[in-house]
Amino acid sequence: MTQARTTFASFEEYLTYSDAAPLEGRYELIDGELIELPPEARINSTIAVRILLVLVAAGVSVDLVHPGKCEIQVPVLQPRDSANRYPDLVVLRPEHLKLTQRRLTITLEMPPPRLVVEVLSPGKTNRDRDDVRKRAQYAAVGIPEYWLIDPIAQTLTVLSLEGTVYREVGTFGAGEAIASVEFPDLAIAVDRLWDEG
C-alpha cells in the first residue's frame, strides 16, 4: 500500500482535486491524506459478483448494483477513521442514477444507498474495521441495511438500521436463506455464496 503525498482540508477539496486529475486505484481519505487501498482479495470480489447476479436475477436493476467501485462519503467518528469507504457491494436507489452520472460517489448530501455489503478480511484489525468502525459510519449515514459476510465461517449477518444503530436480523449459514428487511422477497441461499461451480 502506498501513501499519496497530497493533503486535503475537506472532502469537497479531495473531490475537486480527484475530478480534475483522476486517481489511479482506490484511496481512502484519512486525516486529510490519501491512503491507497490494496487490491481486493479474490474471494471478496467473487462473493460480491455472486450477490450481484442473485440480486439481478431477483429483479434488482443491474444499474443499481455496484461491486467494489462505489465510493461512499462517511462521517469521521473516531481518530484515524476514513472519510470515505468502498464497500464490497452497494445497492443504489433509482435517484442515484442521475446523481452519479459524472462520478460513482455517494456524498453526505445525497440519499443513502439501500444496502452495503462487506466481506470480512482475515485478522482482528480488518474485522474490527468492518464490524465496528464501518458499522458505526454506515449507520450515521442512514444506510438501511448492512450485510457482513464471513467467508471463513461461511455465514452472512444481516443488520437493519433502527433509529441510529443497527439491529441484527440474523446470522445465516449452511442450508439457510438470507432474510432481508430491505429486500423481503429476496431468497438467497447462503450456500450460493460459496459454490465453486
N, C-alpha and C. Protein backbone atom coordinates (compact mmCIF):
# COMPACT_ATOMS: atom_id res chain seq x y z
N MET A 1 0.85 -1.17 0.00
CA MET A 1 0.00 0.00 0.00
C MET A 1 0.90 1.24 0.00
N THR A 2 0.61 2.18 -0.89
CA THR A 2 1.39 3.40 -0.95
C THR A 2 0.57 4.57 -0.44
N GLN A 3 1.26 5.59 -0.03
CA GLN A 3 0.59 6.76 0.50
C GLN A 3 0.78 7.91 -0.47
N ALA A 4 -0.33 8.54 -0.86
CA ALA A 4 -0.24 9.71 -1.74
C ALA A 4 0.30 10.89 -0.95
N ARG A 5 0.99 11.80 -1.61
CA ARG A 5 1.62 12.94 -0.94
C ARG A 5 0.66 14.10 -0.70
N THR A 6 -0.40 14.19 -1.49
CA THR A 6 -1.29 15.33 -1.41
C THR A 6 -2.16 15.27 -0.15
N THR A 7 -2.37 16.44 0.46
CA THR A 7 -3.26 16.51 1.62
C THR A 7 -4.42 17.46 1.30
N PHE A 8 -5.54 17.24 2.00
CA PHE A 8 -6.77 17.98 1.72
C PHE A 8 -7.38 18.46 3.02
N ALA A 9 -7.94 19.65 2.98
CA ALA A 9 -8.58 20.24 4.16
C ALA A 9 -10.02 19.75 4.32
N SER A 10 -10.63 19.24 3.23
CA SER A 10 -12.01 18.79 3.31
C SER A 10 -12.27 17.71 2.27
N PHE A 11 -13.40 17.03 2.43
CA PHE A 11 -13.79 16.02 1.45
C PHE A 11 -14.09 16.67 0.11
N GLU A 12 -14.69 17.85 0.14
CA GLU A 12 -15.01 18.57 -1.09
C GLU A 12 -13.74 18.94 -1.87
N GLU A 13 -12.69 19.33 -1.14
CA GLU A 13 -11.41 19.65 -1.79
C GLU A 13 -10.83 18.40 -2.46
N TYR A 14 -10.94 17.26 -1.78
CA TYR A 14 -10.49 15.98 -2.36
C TYR A 14 -11.28 15.66 -3.63
N LEU A 15 -12.62 15.84 -3.60
CA LEU A 15 -13.44 15.56 -4.78
C LEU A 15 -13.05 16.46 -5.94
N THR A 16 -12.84 17.74 -5.68
CA THR A 16 -12.45 18.68 -6.72
C THR A 16 -11.12 18.28 -7.34
N TYR A 17 -10.16 17.93 -6.48
CA TYR A 17 -8.83 17.52 -6.95
C TYR A 17 -8.92 16.24 -7.79
N SER A 18 -9.62 15.22 -7.27
CA SER A 18 -9.64 13.94 -7.96
C SER A 18 -10.52 13.99 -9.22
N ASP A 19 -11.46 14.93 -9.29
CA ASP A 19 -12.20 15.12 -10.53
C ASP A 19 -11.32 15.74 -11.60
N ALA A 20 -10.47 16.69 -11.20
CA ALA A 20 -9.59 17.38 -12.15
C ALA A 20 -8.46 16.49 -12.62
N ALA A 21 -7.92 15.69 -11.71
CA ALA A 21 -6.81 14.78 -12.04
C ALA A 21 -7.17 13.39 -11.52
N PRO A 22 -7.96 12.62 -12.30
CA PRO A 22 -8.43 11.32 -11.82
C PRO A 22 -7.30 10.45 -11.28
N LEU A 23 -7.58 9.83 -10.14
CA LEU A 23 -6.60 8.99 -9.46
C LEU A 23 -6.67 7.57 -9.99
N GLU A 24 -5.53 6.94 -10.12
CA GLU A 24 -5.47 5.52 -10.46
C GLU A 24 -5.67 4.74 -9.16
N GLY A 25 -6.53 3.75 -9.16
CA GLY A 25 -6.74 2.96 -7.96
C GLY A 25 -7.80 3.58 -7.05
N ARG A 26 -7.91 3.00 -5.85
CA ARG A 26 -8.88 3.47 -4.86
C ARG A 26 -8.12 3.99 -3.65
N TYR A 27 -8.60 5.12 -3.13
CA TYR A 27 -7.94 5.76 -1.99
C TYR A 27 -8.96 6.08 -0.91
N GLU A 28 -8.54 5.94 0.34
CA GLU A 28 -9.32 6.43 1.46
C GLU A 28 -8.69 7.74 1.92
N LEU A 29 -9.55 8.66 2.35
CA LEU A 29 -9.09 9.95 2.85
C LEU A 29 -9.08 9.88 4.38
N ILE A 30 -7.87 9.82 4.96
CA ILE A 30 -7.71 9.68 6.41
C ILE A 30 -6.89 10.87 6.91
N ASP A 31 -7.49 11.63 7.81
CA ASP A 31 -6.84 12.82 8.37
C ASP A 31 -6.25 13.72 7.28
N GLY A 32 -7.01 13.89 6.19
CA GLY A 32 -6.60 14.78 5.12
C GLY A 32 -5.62 14.19 4.13
N GLU A 33 -5.16 12.95 4.34
CA GLU A 33 -4.20 12.32 3.44
C GLU A 33 -4.84 11.17 2.69
N LEU A 34 -4.43 11.00 1.44
CA LEU A 34 -4.90 9.88 0.64
C LEU A 34 -4.06 8.64 0.92
N ILE A 35 -4.74 7.56 1.30
CA ILE A 35 -4.07 6.28 1.55
C ILE A 35 -4.59 5.30 0.51
N GLU A 36 -3.69 4.77 -0.31
CA GLU A 36 -4.10 3.84 -1.36
C GLU A 36 -4.53 2.52 -0.76
N LEU A 37 -5.65 2.00 -1.24
CA LEU A 37 -6.14 0.70 -0.78
C LEU A 37 -5.48 -0.41 -1.58
N PRO A 38 -5.18 -1.53 -0.93
CA PRO A 38 -4.61 -2.65 -1.68
C PRO A 38 -5.69 -3.28 -2.56
N PRO A 39 -5.28 -4.08 -3.55
CA PRO A 39 -6.28 -4.77 -4.37
C PRO A 39 -7.14 -5.69 -3.49
N GLU A 40 -8.38 -5.88 -3.92
CA GLU A 40 -9.29 -6.77 -3.19
C GLU A 40 -8.82 -8.21 -3.26
N ALA A 41 -9.11 -8.97 -2.21
CA ALA A 41 -8.87 -10.40 -2.25
C ALA A 41 -9.84 -11.02 -3.26
N ARG A 42 -9.42 -12.07 -3.91
CA ARG A 42 -10.26 -12.73 -4.92
C ARG A 42 -11.60 -13.15 -4.33
N ILE A 43 -11.61 -13.70 -3.11
CA ILE A 43 -12.85 -14.18 -2.51
C ILE A 43 -13.83 -13.03 -2.30
N ASN A 44 -13.34 -11.86 -1.91
CA ASN A 44 -14.23 -10.71 -1.71
C ASN A 44 -14.90 -10.33 -3.02
N SER A 45 -14.12 -10.25 -4.09
CA SER A 45 -14.67 -9.89 -5.40
C SER A 45 -15.63 -10.95 -5.91
N THR A 46 -15.28 -12.20 -5.74
CA THR A 46 -16.12 -13.30 -6.21
C THR A 46 -17.46 -13.30 -5.50
N ILE A 47 -17.45 -13.15 -4.18
CA ILE A 47 -18.70 -13.13 -3.42
C ILE A 47 -19.56 -11.93 -3.84
N ALA A 48 -18.94 -10.78 -4.02
CA ALA A 48 -19.69 -9.58 -4.44
C ALA A 48 -20.35 -9.81 -5.79
N VAL A 49 -19.65 -10.43 -6.72
CA VAL A 49 -20.22 -10.70 -8.04
C VAL A 49 -21.36 -11.72 -7.92
N ARG A 50 -21.21 -12.72 -7.08
CA ARG A 50 -22.29 -13.70 -6.89
C ARG A 50 -23.54 -13.02 -6.33
N ILE A 51 -23.37 -12.11 -5.38
CA ILE A 51 -24.52 -11.38 -4.84
C ILE A 51 -25.15 -10.51 -5.93
N LEU A 52 -24.33 -9.83 -6.72
CA LEU A 52 -24.84 -9.03 -7.84
C LEU A 52 -25.72 -9.90 -8.74
N LEU A 53 -25.25 -11.08 -9.11
CA LEU A 53 -26.00 -11.95 -10.01
C LEU A 53 -27.34 -12.38 -9.41
N VAL A 54 -27.34 -12.69 -8.12
CA VAL A 54 -28.58 -13.12 -7.45
C VAL A 54 -29.55 -11.95 -7.36
N LEU A 55 -29.06 -10.74 -7.02
CA LEU A 55 -29.93 -9.57 -6.94
C LEU A 55 -30.55 -9.24 -8.29
N VAL A 56 -29.75 -9.30 -9.34
CA VAL A 56 -30.26 -9.01 -10.68
C VAL A 56 -31.28 -10.07 -11.10
N ALA A 57 -31.00 -11.34 -10.80
CA ALA A 57 -31.95 -12.41 -11.12
C ALA A 57 -33.27 -12.23 -10.36
N ALA A 58 -33.20 -11.59 -9.18
CA ALA A 58 -34.40 -11.35 -8.38
C ALA A 58 -35.13 -10.08 -8.79
N GLY A 59 -34.62 -9.38 -9.80
CA GLY A 59 -35.34 -8.22 -10.32
C GLY A 59 -34.74 -6.87 -9.98
N VAL A 60 -33.63 -6.81 -9.25
CA VAL A 60 -32.98 -5.54 -8.97
C VAL A 60 -32.22 -5.11 -10.23
N SER A 61 -32.39 -3.88 -10.65
CA SER A 61 -31.74 -3.39 -11.86
C SER A 61 -30.22 -3.47 -11.74
N VAL A 62 -29.58 -4.00 -12.76
CA VAL A 62 -28.12 -4.12 -12.76
C VAL A 62 -27.47 -2.74 -12.65
N ASP A 63 -28.16 -1.69 -13.09
CA ASP A 63 -27.62 -0.33 -12.99
C ASP A 63 -27.46 0.13 -11.55
N LEU A 64 -28.18 -0.52 -10.62
CA LEU A 64 -28.17 -0.09 -9.22
C LEU A 64 -27.18 -0.88 -8.36
N VAL A 65 -26.62 -1.95 -8.87
CA VAL A 65 -25.76 -2.83 -8.06
C VAL A 65 -24.30 -2.65 -8.49
N HIS A 66 -23.46 -2.25 -7.54
CA HIS A 66 -22.07 -1.93 -7.86
C HIS A 66 -21.11 -2.65 -6.92
N PRO A 67 -20.41 -3.66 -7.43
CA PRO A 67 -19.41 -4.35 -6.60
C PRO A 67 -18.06 -3.63 -6.59
N GLY A 68 -17.64 -3.17 -5.42
CA GLY A 68 -16.29 -2.69 -5.19
C GLY A 68 -15.88 -1.35 -5.75
N LYS A 69 -16.72 -0.67 -6.50
CA LYS A 69 -16.30 0.56 -7.17
C LYS A 69 -17.01 1.81 -6.66
N CYS A 70 -18.06 1.65 -5.89
CA CYS A 70 -18.83 2.81 -5.43
C CYS A 70 -18.20 3.38 -4.16
N GLU A 71 -17.89 4.66 -4.21
CA GLU A 71 -17.30 5.36 -3.07
C GLU A 71 -18.42 6.02 -2.27
N ILE A 72 -18.38 5.87 -0.95
CA ILE A 72 -19.39 6.48 -0.08
C ILE A 72 -18.69 7.40 0.91
N GLN A 73 -19.10 8.67 0.92
CA GLN A 73 -18.59 9.59 1.94
C GLN A 73 -19.26 9.23 3.27
N VAL A 74 -18.46 9.12 4.32
CA VAL A 74 -18.97 8.78 5.65
C VAL A 74 -18.42 9.79 6.66
N PRO A 75 -19.14 9.99 7.77
CA PRO A 75 -18.62 10.90 8.78
C PRO A 75 -17.43 10.29 9.52
N VAL A 76 -16.49 11.13 9.88
CA VAL A 76 -15.34 10.69 10.69
C VAL A 76 -15.81 10.71 12.14
N LEU A 77 -15.92 9.52 12.75
CA LEU A 77 -16.45 9.39 14.10
C LEU A 77 -15.36 9.20 15.15
N GLN A 78 -14.20 8.68 14.71
CA GLN A 78 -13.08 8.44 15.62
C GLN A 78 -11.79 8.89 14.93
N PRO A 79 -10.75 9.17 15.70
CA PRO A 79 -9.46 9.47 15.08
C PRO A 79 -9.04 8.32 14.17
N ARG A 80 -8.47 8.66 13.04
CA ARG A 80 -7.96 7.73 12.03
C ARG A 80 -9.07 7.01 11.26
N ASP A 81 -10.33 7.46 11.41
CA ASP A 81 -11.40 6.95 10.55
C ASP A 81 -11.23 7.53 9.16
N SER A 82 -11.57 6.75 8.17
CA SER A 82 -11.58 7.25 6.80
C SER A 82 -12.83 8.09 6.58
N ALA A 83 -12.73 9.10 5.73
CA ALA A 83 -13.87 9.94 5.38
C ALA A 83 -14.64 9.37 4.19
N ASN A 84 -14.16 8.28 3.64
CA ASN A 84 -14.84 7.61 2.53
C ASN A 84 -14.58 6.10 2.62
N ARG A 85 -15.52 5.33 2.09
CA ARG A 85 -15.40 3.87 2.09
C ARG A 85 -15.78 3.33 0.71
N TYR A 86 -15.23 2.16 0.39
CA TYR A 86 -15.56 1.44 -0.83
C TYR A 86 -16.07 0.05 -0.42
N PRO A 87 -17.37 -0.08 -0.13
CA PRO A 87 -17.89 -1.39 0.25
C PRO A 87 -17.68 -2.42 -0.87
N ASP A 88 -17.69 -3.70 -0.48
CA ASP A 88 -17.54 -4.76 -1.48
C ASP A 88 -18.70 -4.76 -2.46
N LEU A 89 -19.88 -4.31 -2.01
CA LEU A 89 -21.03 -4.20 -2.90
C LEU A 89 -21.96 -3.12 -2.35
N VAL A 90 -22.56 -2.34 -3.26
CA VAL A 90 -23.50 -1.29 -2.90
C VAL A 90 -24.73 -1.42 -3.80
N VAL A 91 -25.92 -1.30 -3.20
CA VAL A 91 -27.15 -1.22 -3.98
C VAL A 91 -27.68 0.21 -3.85
N LEU A 92 -27.69 0.91 -4.98
CA LEU A 92 -28.13 2.30 -5.01
C LEU A 92 -29.65 2.40 -5.09
N ARG A 93 -30.15 3.61 -4.96
CA ARG A 93 -31.55 3.94 -5.18
C ARG A 93 -31.69 4.47 -6.61
N PRO A 94 -32.87 4.38 -7.21
CA PRO A 94 -33.03 4.90 -8.59
C PRO A 94 -32.59 6.36 -8.74
N GLU A 95 -32.82 7.20 -7.73
CA GLU A 95 -32.42 8.61 -7.84
C GLU A 95 -30.91 8.79 -7.91
N HIS A 96 -30.15 7.80 -7.49
CA HIS A 96 -28.69 7.89 -7.58
C HIS A 96 -28.19 7.85 -9.03
N LEU A 97 -28.98 7.25 -9.93
CA LEU A 97 -28.52 7.14 -11.32
C LEU A 97 -28.21 8.51 -11.91
N LYS A 98 -29.06 9.48 -11.63
CA LYS A 98 -28.81 10.83 -12.12
C LYS A 98 -27.70 11.51 -11.32
N LEU A 99 -27.68 11.28 -10.01
CA LEU A 99 -26.71 11.95 -9.14
C LEU A 99 -25.28 11.46 -9.34
N THR A 100 -25.11 10.26 -9.88
CA THR A 100 -23.77 9.68 -10.03
C THR A 100 -23.34 9.51 -11.48
N GLN A 101 -23.94 10.28 -12.38
CA GLN A 101 -23.56 10.17 -13.80
C GLN A 101 -22.11 10.53 -14.03
N ARG A 102 -21.63 11.53 -13.33
CA ARG A 102 -20.26 12.01 -13.53
C ARG A 102 -19.25 11.23 -12.70
N ARG A 103 -19.70 10.79 -11.51
CA ARG A 103 -18.76 10.13 -10.59
C ARG A 103 -19.56 9.21 -9.67
N LEU A 104 -19.09 7.97 -9.51
CA LEU A 104 -19.79 6.98 -8.68
C LEU A 104 -19.41 7.17 -7.21
N THR A 105 -19.80 8.34 -6.68
CA THR A 105 -19.55 8.70 -5.28
C THR A 105 -20.86 9.16 -4.67
N ILE A 106 -21.20 8.58 -3.53
CA ILE A 106 -22.38 8.99 -2.78
C ILE A 106 -21.88 9.90 -1.66
N THR A 107 -22.31 11.17 -1.69
CA THR A 107 -21.88 12.12 -0.66
C THR A 107 -22.93 12.20 0.44
N LEU A 108 -22.56 12.88 1.52
CA LEU A 108 -23.47 13.00 2.66
C LEU A 108 -24.73 13.78 2.31
N GLU A 109 -24.70 14.61 1.26
CA GLU A 109 -25.87 15.39 0.86
C GLU A 109 -26.87 14.56 0.08
N MET A 110 -26.47 13.38 -0.38
CA MET A 110 -27.35 12.51 -1.18
C MET A 110 -28.11 11.54 -0.27
N PRO A 111 -29.20 10.97 -0.79
CA PRO A 111 -29.85 9.90 -0.02
C PRO A 111 -28.87 8.73 0.14
N PRO A 112 -28.97 7.97 1.23
CA PRO A 112 -28.06 6.84 1.39
C PRO A 112 -28.42 5.69 0.45
N PRO A 113 -27.46 4.84 0.13
CA PRO A 113 -27.78 3.65 -0.65
C PRO A 113 -28.73 2.74 0.14
N ARG A 114 -29.36 1.79 -0.54
CA ARG A 114 -30.28 0.86 0.13
C ARG A 114 -29.54 -0.20 0.93
N LEU A 115 -28.38 -0.61 0.44
CA LEU A 115 -27.67 -1.73 1.05
C LEU A 115 -26.17 -1.58 0.80
N VAL A 116 -25.37 -1.91 1.83
CA VAL A 116 -23.93 -2.10 1.64
C VAL A 116 -23.57 -3.48 2.13
N VAL A 117 -22.59 -4.08 1.48
CA VAL A 117 -22.11 -5.42 1.82
C VAL A 117 -20.61 -5.35 1.99
N GLU A 118 -20.13 -5.93 3.09
CA GLU A 118 -18.69 -6.06 3.32
C GLU A 118 -18.36 -7.52 3.55
N VAL A 119 -17.33 -8.00 2.85
CA VAL A 119 -16.81 -9.34 3.08
C VAL A 119 -15.65 -9.19 4.04
N LEU A 120 -15.75 -9.84 5.20
CA LEU A 120 -14.73 -9.71 6.24
C LEU A 120 -13.40 -10.26 5.75
N SER A 121 -12.35 -9.49 5.98
CA SER A 121 -11.00 -9.93 5.66
C SER A 121 -10.39 -10.56 6.90
N PRO A 122 -9.42 -11.45 6.73
CA PRO A 122 -8.80 -12.10 7.90
C PRO A 122 -8.08 -11.08 8.79
N GLY A 123 -8.00 -11.41 10.06
CA GLY A 123 -7.26 -10.58 11.02
C GLY A 123 -8.17 -9.70 11.85
N LYS A 124 -7.83 -9.55 13.13
CA LYS A 124 -8.64 -8.78 14.06
C LYS A 124 -8.80 -7.32 13.65
N THR A 125 -7.75 -6.69 13.19
CA THR A 125 -7.82 -5.28 12.79
C THR A 125 -8.82 -5.10 11.65
N ASN A 126 -8.74 -5.97 10.63
CA ASN A 126 -9.65 -5.88 9.49
C ASN A 126 -11.09 -6.13 9.92
N ARG A 127 -11.29 -7.13 10.77
CA ARG A 127 -12.64 -7.47 11.21
C ARG A 127 -13.23 -6.35 12.06
N ASP A 128 -12.42 -5.78 12.95
CA ASP A 128 -12.91 -4.66 13.76
C ASP A 128 -13.29 -3.47 12.87
N ARG A 129 -12.51 -3.22 11.84
CA ARG A 129 -12.80 -2.11 10.92
C ARG A 129 -14.17 -2.32 10.27
N ASP A 130 -14.44 -3.55 9.79
CA ASP A 130 -15.70 -3.82 9.10
C ASP A 130 -16.88 -3.92 10.07
N ASP A 131 -16.67 -4.58 11.21
CA ASP A 131 -17.78 -4.87 12.12
C ASP A 131 -18.05 -3.77 13.12
N VAL A 132 -17.08 -2.91 13.39
CA VAL A 132 -17.28 -1.86 14.40
C VAL A 132 -17.24 -0.47 13.75
N ARG A 133 -16.10 -0.14 13.15
CA ARG A 133 -15.93 1.24 12.65
C ARG A 133 -16.82 1.53 11.44
N LYS A 134 -16.80 0.64 10.44
CA LYS A 134 -17.66 0.87 9.27
C LYS A 134 -19.13 0.77 9.66
N ARG A 135 -19.46 -0.14 10.56
CA ARG A 135 -20.85 -0.28 11.00
C ARG A 135 -21.36 1.05 11.55
N ALA A 136 -20.58 1.68 12.42
CA ALA A 136 -20.98 2.96 13.01
C ALA A 136 -21.09 4.05 11.93
N GLN A 137 -20.14 4.06 10.99
CA GLN A 137 -20.17 5.08 9.94
C GLN A 137 -21.36 4.89 9.01
N TYR A 138 -21.64 3.65 8.62
CA TYR A 138 -22.77 3.39 7.73
C TYR A 138 -24.10 3.71 8.43
N ALA A 139 -24.18 3.44 9.73
CA ALA A 139 -25.38 3.79 10.49
C ALA A 139 -25.56 5.30 10.52
N ALA A 140 -24.46 6.04 10.72
CA ALA A 140 -24.53 7.50 10.78
C ALA A 140 -24.98 8.10 9.45
N VAL A 141 -24.67 7.43 8.34
CA VAL A 141 -25.10 7.89 7.02
C VAL A 141 -26.58 7.58 6.81
N GLY A 142 -27.10 6.57 7.51
CA GLY A 142 -28.50 6.20 7.37
C GLY A 142 -28.76 5.08 6.37
N ILE A 143 -27.75 4.26 6.09
CA ILE A 143 -27.93 3.14 5.16
C ILE A 143 -28.81 2.10 5.85
N PRO A 144 -29.98 1.77 5.27
CA PRO A 144 -30.94 0.94 5.97
C PRO A 144 -30.52 -0.50 6.23
N GLU A 145 -29.63 -1.05 5.40
CA GLU A 145 -29.24 -2.45 5.63
C GLU A 145 -27.76 -2.65 5.33
N TYR A 146 -27.14 -3.47 6.15
CA TYR A 146 -25.70 -3.75 6.07
C TYR A 146 -25.52 -5.25 6.21
N TRP A 147 -24.84 -5.87 5.25
CA TRP A 147 -24.55 -7.30 5.33
C TRP A 147 -23.06 -7.47 5.59
N LEU A 148 -22.75 -8.33 6.56
CA LEU A 148 -21.37 -8.73 6.85
C LEU A 148 -21.22 -10.20 6.49
N ILE A 149 -20.31 -10.48 5.59
CA ILE A 149 -20.11 -11.85 5.13
C ILE A 149 -18.79 -12.36 5.67
N ASP A 150 -18.85 -13.51 6.32
CA ASP A 150 -17.65 -14.13 6.88
C ASP A 150 -17.32 -15.36 6.04
N PRO A 151 -16.33 -15.25 5.14
CA PRO A 151 -16.01 -16.39 4.27
C PRO A 151 -15.36 -17.55 5.01
N ILE A 152 -14.78 -17.30 6.18
CA ILE A 152 -14.17 -18.40 6.95
C ILE A 152 -15.27 -19.23 7.61
N ALA A 153 -16.20 -18.58 8.30
CA ALA A 153 -17.31 -19.28 8.95
C ALA A 153 -18.41 -19.63 7.96
N GLN A 154 -18.34 -19.06 6.75
CA GLN A 154 -19.36 -19.23 5.72
C GLN A 154 -20.74 -18.83 6.24
N THR A 155 -20.79 -17.59 6.76
CA THR A 155 -22.04 -17.04 7.27
C THR A 155 -22.25 -15.63 6.71
N LEU A 156 -23.50 -15.20 6.76
CA LEU A 156 -23.86 -13.84 6.36
C LEU A 156 -24.74 -13.27 7.46
N THR A 157 -24.35 -12.12 8.00
CA THR A 157 -25.11 -11.44 9.04
C THR A 157 -25.82 -10.25 8.41
N VAL A 158 -27.14 -10.17 8.63
CA VAL A 158 -27.94 -9.06 8.14
C VAL A 158 -28.19 -8.11 9.30
N LEU A 159 -27.85 -6.84 9.08
CA LEU A 159 -28.08 -5.78 10.07
C LEU A 159 -29.06 -4.78 9.48
N SER A 160 -30.07 -4.40 10.25
CA SER A 160 -31.08 -3.46 9.80
C SER A 160 -31.04 -2.22 10.69
N LEU A 161 -31.07 -1.06 10.07
CA LEU A 161 -30.97 0.19 10.82
C LEU A 161 -32.27 0.48 11.57
N GLU A 162 -32.15 0.68 12.86
CA GLU A 162 -33.27 1.09 13.70
C GLU A 162 -32.85 2.34 14.44
N GLY A 163 -33.44 3.45 14.04
CA GLY A 163 -33.01 4.73 14.60
C GLY A 163 -31.62 5.06 14.10
N THR A 164 -30.66 5.08 15.02
CA THR A 164 -29.28 5.42 14.64
C THR A 164 -28.31 4.26 14.81
N VAL A 165 -28.82 3.06 15.11
CA VAL A 165 -27.94 1.89 15.28
C VAL A 165 -28.50 0.69 14.51
N TYR A 166 -27.61 -0.23 14.19
CA TYR A 166 -28.02 -1.44 13.51
C TYR A 166 -28.47 -2.50 14.51
N ARG A 167 -29.58 -3.16 14.16
CA ARG A 167 -30.08 -4.30 14.91
C ARG A 167 -29.78 -5.54 14.07
N GLU A 168 -29.32 -6.60 14.73
CA GLU A 168 -29.02 -7.82 14.00
C GLU A 168 -30.32 -8.56 13.69
N VAL A 169 -30.60 -8.75 12.41
CA VAL A 169 -31.76 -9.51 11.97
C VAL A 169 -31.48 -10.99 12.14
N GLY A 170 -30.24 -11.38 11.83
CA GLY A 170 -29.84 -12.78 11.99
C GLY A 170 -28.53 -13.07 11.30
N THR A 171 -27.94 -14.17 11.70
CA THR A 171 -26.74 -14.69 11.04
C THR A 171 -27.14 -16.00 10.39
N PHE A 172 -26.89 -16.09 9.10
CA PHE A 172 -27.37 -17.21 8.30
C PHE A 172 -26.20 -18.03 7.77
N GLY A 173 -26.33 -19.35 7.87
CA GLY A 173 -25.25 -20.23 7.44
C GLY A 173 -25.75 -21.31 6.49
N ALA A 174 -25.02 -22.41 6.45
CA ALA A 174 -25.30 -23.51 5.52
C ALA A 174 -26.75 -23.97 5.62
N GLY A 175 -27.38 -24.13 4.46
CA GLY A 175 -28.75 -24.62 4.39
C GLY A 175 -29.81 -23.58 4.70
N GLU A 176 -29.40 -22.32 4.96
CA GLU A 176 -30.36 -21.28 5.30
C GLU A 176 -30.45 -20.24 4.19
N ALA A 177 -31.59 -19.56 4.15
CA ALA A 177 -31.77 -18.45 3.22
C ALA A 177 -31.63 -17.14 3.99
N ILE A 178 -31.11 -16.14 3.32
CA ILE A 178 -30.92 -14.82 3.92
C ILE A 178 -32.28 -14.15 4.08
N ALA A 179 -32.53 -13.57 5.26
CA ALA A 179 -33.74 -12.79 5.49
C ALA A 179 -33.36 -11.32 5.45
N SER A 180 -33.81 -10.62 4.41
CA SER A 180 -33.50 -9.21 4.24
C SER A 180 -34.73 -8.37 4.54
N VAL A 181 -34.55 -7.29 5.30
CA VAL A 181 -35.64 -6.35 5.58
C VAL A 181 -35.85 -5.44 4.37
N GLU A 182 -34.76 -4.98 3.77
CA GLU A 182 -34.83 -4.06 2.64
C GLU A 182 -35.32 -4.75 1.36
N PHE A 183 -35.03 -6.05 1.24
CA PHE A 183 -35.46 -6.84 0.08
C PHE A 183 -36.22 -8.07 0.58
N PRO A 184 -37.44 -7.90 1.09
CA PRO A 184 -38.15 -9.00 1.73
C PRO A 184 -38.49 -10.17 0.80
N ASP A 185 -38.57 -9.92 -0.51
CA ASP A 185 -38.90 -11.00 -1.45
C ASP A 185 -37.67 -11.75 -1.94
N LEU A 186 -36.52 -11.33 -1.49
CA LEU A 186 -35.27 -11.94 -1.92
C LEU A 186 -35.05 -13.26 -1.20
N ALA A 187 -34.76 -14.30 -1.94
CA ALA A 187 -34.49 -15.60 -1.33
C ALA A 187 -33.13 -16.08 -1.82
N ILE A 188 -32.09 -15.72 -1.08
CA ILE A 188 -30.73 -16.15 -1.43
C ILE A 188 -30.33 -17.23 -0.46
N ALA A 189 -30.01 -18.41 -0.98
CA ALA A 189 -29.45 -19.46 -0.14
C ALA A 189 -27.99 -19.10 0.13
N VAL A 190 -27.61 -19.09 1.39
CA VAL A 190 -26.24 -18.71 1.76
C VAL A 190 -25.22 -19.59 1.04
N ASP A 191 -25.56 -20.85 0.83
CA ASP A 191 -24.64 -21.78 0.16
C ASP A 191 -24.23 -21.28 -1.23
N ARG A 192 -25.08 -20.50 -1.88
CA ARG A 192 -24.76 -19.99 -3.22
C ARG A 192 -23.55 -19.07 -3.23
N LEU A 193 -23.24 -18.50 -2.07
CA LEU A 193 -22.09 -17.59 -1.99
C LEU A 193 -20.77 -18.34 -2.05
N TRP A 194 -20.78 -19.62 -1.72
CA TRP A 194 -19.54 -20.38 -1.65
C TRP A 194 -19.39 -21.38 -2.79
N ASP A 195 -20.47 -21.58 -3.59
CA ASP A 195 -20.41 -22.56 -4.67
C ASP A 195 -19.26 -22.26 -5.61
N GLU A 196 -18.48 -23.26 -5.88
CA GLU A 196 -17.35 -23.10 -6.80
C GLU A 196 -17.76 -23.39 -8.23
N GLY A 197 -18.91 -24.05 -8.41
CA GLY A 197 -19.33 -24.47 -9.76
C GLY A 197 -20.13 -23.47 -10.48
